Amino acid sequence: MAVMRQSWTDDRLDGFRERVDERFDELNRRLDRIETRLDTDLPRLDQRIDGLHRAMLQGFLVLVGIQVTFFVSTIAFIASQT
């Protein structure tokens, strides 16, 4: 079992601080790359969502048109039978 140190030397603290700084610098680089990618990908995603919205609206209107045509033709058929 490892024994835990009760105190840290200045050298160990300096090494720890440098390692933490390196990891935060790497994190900042990764976040910058993600931000750059989002800047280029989000407009394309917006266009795709707008296209999907348009297609769904058109499909809805077609379905409503079909239902209206069915009901009108059904009413006309019933009216012609009486």
N, C-alpha and C. Protein backbone atom coordinates (compact mmCIF):
# COMPACT_ATOMS: atom_id res chain seq x y z
N MET A 1 0.85 -1.17 0.00
CA MET A 1 0.00 0.00 0.00
C MET A 1 0.89 1.24 0.00
N ALA A 2 0.54 2.22 -0.83
CA ALA A 2 1.34 3.43 -0.95
C ALA A 2 1.13 4.32 0.25
N VAL A 3 2.22 4.93 0.67
CA VAL A 3 2.15 5.84 1.81
C VAL A 3 1.94 7.25 1.28
N MET A 4 1.02 7.95 1.85
CA MET A 4 0.71 9.31 1.42
C MET A 4 1.69 10.27 2.08
N ARG A 5 2.22 11.19 1.31
CA ARG A 5 3.13 12.19 1.89
C ARG A 5 2.35 13.22 2.68
N GLN A 6 2.93 13.66 3.76
CA GLN A 6 2.27 14.65 4.60
C GLN A 6 2.56 16.07 4.11
N SER A 7 3.66 16.24 3.38
CA SER A 7 4.01 17.59 2.91
C SER A 7 4.60 17.49 1.52
N TRP A 8 4.49 18.57 0.80
CA TRP A 8 5.01 18.65 -0.56
C TRP A 8 6.22 19.58 -0.54
N THR A 9 7.24 19.19 -1.29
CA THR A 9 8.40 20.07 -1.42
C THR A 9 8.09 21.13 -2.45
N ASP A 10 8.87 22.19 -2.45
CA ASP A 10 8.67 23.27 -3.43
C ASP A 10 8.83 22.74 -4.84
N ASP A 11 9.80 21.83 -5.05
CA ASP A 11 10.02 21.27 -6.39
C ASP A 11 8.80 20.47 -6.85
N ARG A 12 8.24 19.70 -5.95
CA ARG A 12 7.06 18.91 -6.31
C ARG A 12 5.86 19.82 -6.60
N LEU A 13 5.69 20.87 -5.82
CA LEU A 13 4.61 21.81 -6.08
C LEU A 13 4.81 22.53 -7.41
N ASP A 14 6.06 22.91 -7.71
CA ASP A 14 6.34 23.57 -8.99
C ASP A 14 6.05 22.62 -10.15
N GLY A 15 6.45 21.36 -10.01
CA GLY A 15 6.18 20.37 -11.05
C GLY A 15 4.69 20.15 -11.24
N PHE A 16 3.98 20.10 -10.14
CA PHE A 16 2.52 19.94 -10.21
C PHE A 16 1.88 21.13 -10.91
N ARG A 17 2.30 22.33 -10.56
CA ARG A 17 1.75 23.54 -11.18
C ARG A 17 2.03 23.56 -12.67
N GLU A 18 3.24 23.18 -13.07
CA GLU A 18 3.58 23.15 -14.50
C GLU A 18 2.72 22.13 -15.24
N ARG A 19 2.52 20.98 -14.64
CA ARG A 19 1.70 19.94 -15.28
C ARG A 19 0.25 20.41 -15.42
N VAL A 20 -0.27 21.06 -14.39
CA VAL A 20 -1.63 21.58 -14.45
C VAL A 20 -1.72 22.64 -15.55
N ASP A 21 -0.72 23.53 -15.63
CA ASP A 21 -0.71 24.56 -16.67
C ASP A 21 -0.68 23.92 -18.06
N GLU A 22 0.11 22.87 -18.24
CA GLU A 22 0.19 22.19 -19.53
C GLU A 22 -1.17 21.59 -19.91
N ARG A 23 -1.82 21.01 -18.94
CA ARG A 23 -3.11 20.38 -19.23
C ARG A 23 -4.17 21.42 -19.58
N PHE A 24 -4.15 22.55 -18.89
CA PHE A 24 -5.10 23.62 -19.23
C PHE A 24 -4.78 24.22 -20.60
N ASP A 25 -3.50 24.34 -20.93
CA ASP A 25 -3.13 24.83 -22.27
C ASP A 25 -3.64 23.88 -23.35
N GLU A 26 -3.51 22.58 -23.12
CA GLU A 26 -4.02 21.59 -24.07
C GLU A 26 -5.53 21.68 -24.18
N LEU A 27 -6.20 21.85 -23.06
CA LEU A 27 -7.65 21.99 -23.06
C LEU A 27 -8.06 23.23 -23.86
N ASN A 28 -7.36 24.33 -23.68
CA ASN A 28 -7.66 25.54 -24.44
C ASN A 28 -7.48 25.33 -25.94
N ARG A 29 -6.43 24.60 -26.34
CA ARG A 29 -6.21 24.31 -27.76
C ARG A 29 -7.35 23.46 -28.31
N ARG A 30 -7.78 22.47 -27.54
CA ARG A 30 -8.87 21.61 -28.01
C ARG A 30 -10.18 22.40 -28.12
N LEU A 31 -10.45 23.26 -27.16
CA LEU A 31 -11.66 24.08 -27.21
C LEU A 31 -11.62 25.06 -28.39
N ASP A 32 -10.44 25.58 -28.69
CA ASP A 32 -10.32 26.47 -29.86
C ASP A 32 -10.64 25.73 -31.15
N ARG A 33 -10.18 24.48 -31.25
CA ARG A 33 -10.48 23.68 -32.45
C ARG A 33 -11.97 23.39 -32.54
N ILE A 34 -12.59 23.09 -31.41
CA ILE A 34 -14.03 22.82 -31.41
C ILE A 34 -14.79 24.08 -31.81
N GLU A 35 -14.38 25.23 -31.28
CA GLU A 35 -15.05 26.48 -31.62
C GLU A 35 -14.92 26.79 -33.11
N THR A 36 -13.74 26.55 -33.68
CA THR A 36 -13.54 26.76 -35.11
C THR A 36 -14.43 25.84 -35.92
N ARG A 37 -14.52 24.60 -35.50
CA ARG A 37 -15.37 23.64 -36.22
C ARG A 37 -16.83 24.02 -36.14
N LEU A 38 -17.27 24.46 -34.96
CA LEU A 38 -18.66 24.88 -34.81
C LEU A 38 -18.97 26.09 -35.69
N ASP A 39 -18.01 27.01 -35.81
CA ASP A 39 -18.22 28.19 -36.65
C ASP A 39 -18.46 27.81 -38.10
N THR A 40 -17.85 26.73 -38.56
CA THR A 40 -18.05 26.32 -39.96
C THR A 40 -19.22 25.36 -40.12
N ASP A 41 -19.50 24.53 -39.10
CA ASP A 41 -20.54 23.51 -39.24
C ASP A 41 -21.95 24.00 -38.89
N LEU A 42 -22.07 24.95 -37.98
CA LEU A 42 -23.41 25.39 -37.58
C LEU A 42 -24.21 26.02 -38.71
N PRO A 43 -23.63 26.86 -39.56
CA PRO A 43 -24.45 27.40 -40.67
C PRO A 43 -24.97 26.30 -41.60
N ARG A 44 -24.15 25.28 -41.86
CA ARG A 44 -24.62 24.17 -42.70
C ARG A 44 -25.74 23.41 -42.01
N LEU A 45 -25.62 23.23 -40.71
CA LEU A 45 -26.66 22.54 -39.96
C LEU A 45 -27.96 23.35 -39.99
N ASP A 46 -27.85 24.67 -39.86
CA ASP A 46 -29.04 25.52 -39.95
C ASP A 46 -29.72 25.36 -41.31
N GLN A 47 -28.95 25.30 -42.38
CA GLN A 47 -29.53 25.13 -43.72
C GLN A 47 -30.24 23.80 -43.83
N ARG A 48 -29.64 22.75 -43.29
CA ARG A 48 -30.27 21.43 -43.37
C ARG A 48 -31.57 21.39 -42.57
N ILE A 49 -31.57 22.01 -41.40
CA ILE A 49 -32.79 22.05 -40.59
C ILE A 49 -33.87 22.86 -41.30
N ASP A 50 -33.49 23.98 -41.93
CA ASP A 50 -34.47 24.77 -42.69
C ASP A 50 -35.06 23.95 -43.84
N GLY A 51 -34.23 23.18 -44.53
CA GLY A 51 -34.71 22.32 -45.62
C GLY A 51 -35.66 21.25 -45.10
N LEU A 52 -35.32 20.66 -43.95
CA LEU A 52 -36.19 19.65 -43.36
C LEU A 52 -37.53 20.27 -42.94
N HIS A 53 -37.47 21.45 -42.38
CA HIS A 53 -38.70 22.14 -41.99
C HIS A 53 -39.59 22.40 -43.21
N ARG A 54 -39.00 22.84 -44.29
CA ARG A 54 -39.75 23.10 -45.52
C ARG A 54 -40.39 21.81 -46.04
N ALA A 55 -39.63 20.73 -46.06
CA ALA A 55 -40.15 19.44 -46.56
C ALA A 55 -41.29 18.93 -45.69
N MET A 56 -41.16 19.07 -44.36
CA MET A 56 -42.23 18.63 -43.47
C MET A 56 -43.49 19.46 -43.67
N LEU A 57 -43.34 20.75 -43.85
CA LEU A 57 -44.50 21.61 -44.08
C LEU A 57 -45.20 21.25 -45.39
N GLN A 58 -44.42 20.99 -46.44
CA GLN A 58 -45.00 20.60 -47.72
C GLN A 58 -45.74 19.26 -47.59
N GLY A 59 -45.14 18.31 -46.89
CA GLY A 59 -45.79 17.02 -46.68
C GLY A 59 -47.09 17.15 -45.91
N PHE A 60 -47.09 18.01 -44.89
CA PHE A 60 -48.30 18.26 -44.12
C PHE A 60 -49.39 18.84 -45.01
N LEU A 61 -49.03 19.81 -45.83
CA LEU A 61 -50.03 20.43 -46.71
C LEU A 61 -50.59 19.43 -47.72
N VAL A 62 -49.74 18.54 -48.23
CA VAL A 62 -50.22 17.51 -49.15
C VAL A 62 -51.20 16.59 -48.44
N LEU A 63 -50.88 16.17 -47.23
CA LEU A 63 -51.79 15.29 -46.48
C LEU A 63 -53.13 15.97 -46.19
N VAL A 64 -53.09 17.24 -45.82
CA VAL A 64 -54.34 17.97 -45.59
C VAL A 64 -55.15 18.05 -46.88
N GLY A 65 -54.49 18.30 -48.00
CA GLY A 65 -55.17 18.35 -49.29
C GLY A 65 -55.83 17.03 -49.63
N ILE A 66 -55.14 15.94 -49.36
CA ILE A 66 -55.71 14.61 -49.63
C ILE A 66 -56.94 14.38 -48.76
N GLN A 67 -56.87 14.74 -47.48
CA GLN A 67 -58.01 14.55 -46.59
C GLN A 67 -59.20 15.40 -47.02
N VAL A 68 -58.95 16.65 -47.37
CA VAL A 68 -60.05 17.52 -47.81
C VAL A 68 -60.69 16.95 -49.07
N THR A 69 -59.87 16.49 -50.02
CA THR A 69 -60.40 15.90 -51.24
C THR A 69 -61.25 14.66 -50.93
N PHE A 70 -60.79 13.83 -50.02
CA PHE A 70 -61.53 12.63 -49.64
C PHE A 70 -62.88 13.00 -49.03
N PHE A 71 -62.88 13.93 -48.09
CA PHE A 71 -64.14 14.30 -47.44
C PHE A 71 -65.11 14.96 -48.41
N VAL A 72 -64.60 15.83 -49.27
CA VAL A 72 -65.48 16.48 -50.24
C VAL A 72 -66.06 15.45 -51.20
N SER A 73 -65.23 14.51 -51.67
CA SER A 73 -65.73 13.49 -52.60
C SER A 73 -66.71 12.55 -51.90
N THR A 74 -66.48 12.26 -50.62
CA THR A 74 -67.39 11.41 -49.86
C THR A 74 -68.74 12.10 -49.70
N ILE A 75 -68.73 13.37 -49.36
CA ILE A 75 -69.97 14.13 -49.20
C ILE A 75 -70.70 14.22 -50.55
N ALA A 76 -69.95 14.44 -51.62
CA ALA A 76 -70.59 14.52 -52.95
C ALA A 76 -71.19 13.17 -53.33
N PHE A 77 -70.50 12.07 -53.02
CA PHE A 77 -71.03 10.74 -53.32
C PHE A 77 -72.32 10.48 -52.54
N ILE A 78 -72.31 10.82 -51.25
CA ILE A 78 -73.50 10.60 -50.43
C ILE A 78 -74.65 11.47 -50.94
N ALA A 79 -74.35 12.70 -51.29
CA ALA A 79 -75.40 13.61 -51.78
C ALA A 79 -75.97 13.12 -53.10
N SER A 80 -75.17 12.48 -53.93
CA SER A 80 -75.68 12.01 -55.22
C SER A 80 -76.52 10.75 -55.08
N GLN A 81 -76.41 10.05 -53.97
CA GLN A 81 -77.18 8.82 -53.74
C GLN A 81 -78.57 9.08 -53.19
N THR A 82 -78.83 10.27 -52.72
CA THR A 82 -80.15 10.54 -52.14
C THR A 82 -81.11 11.13 -53.11
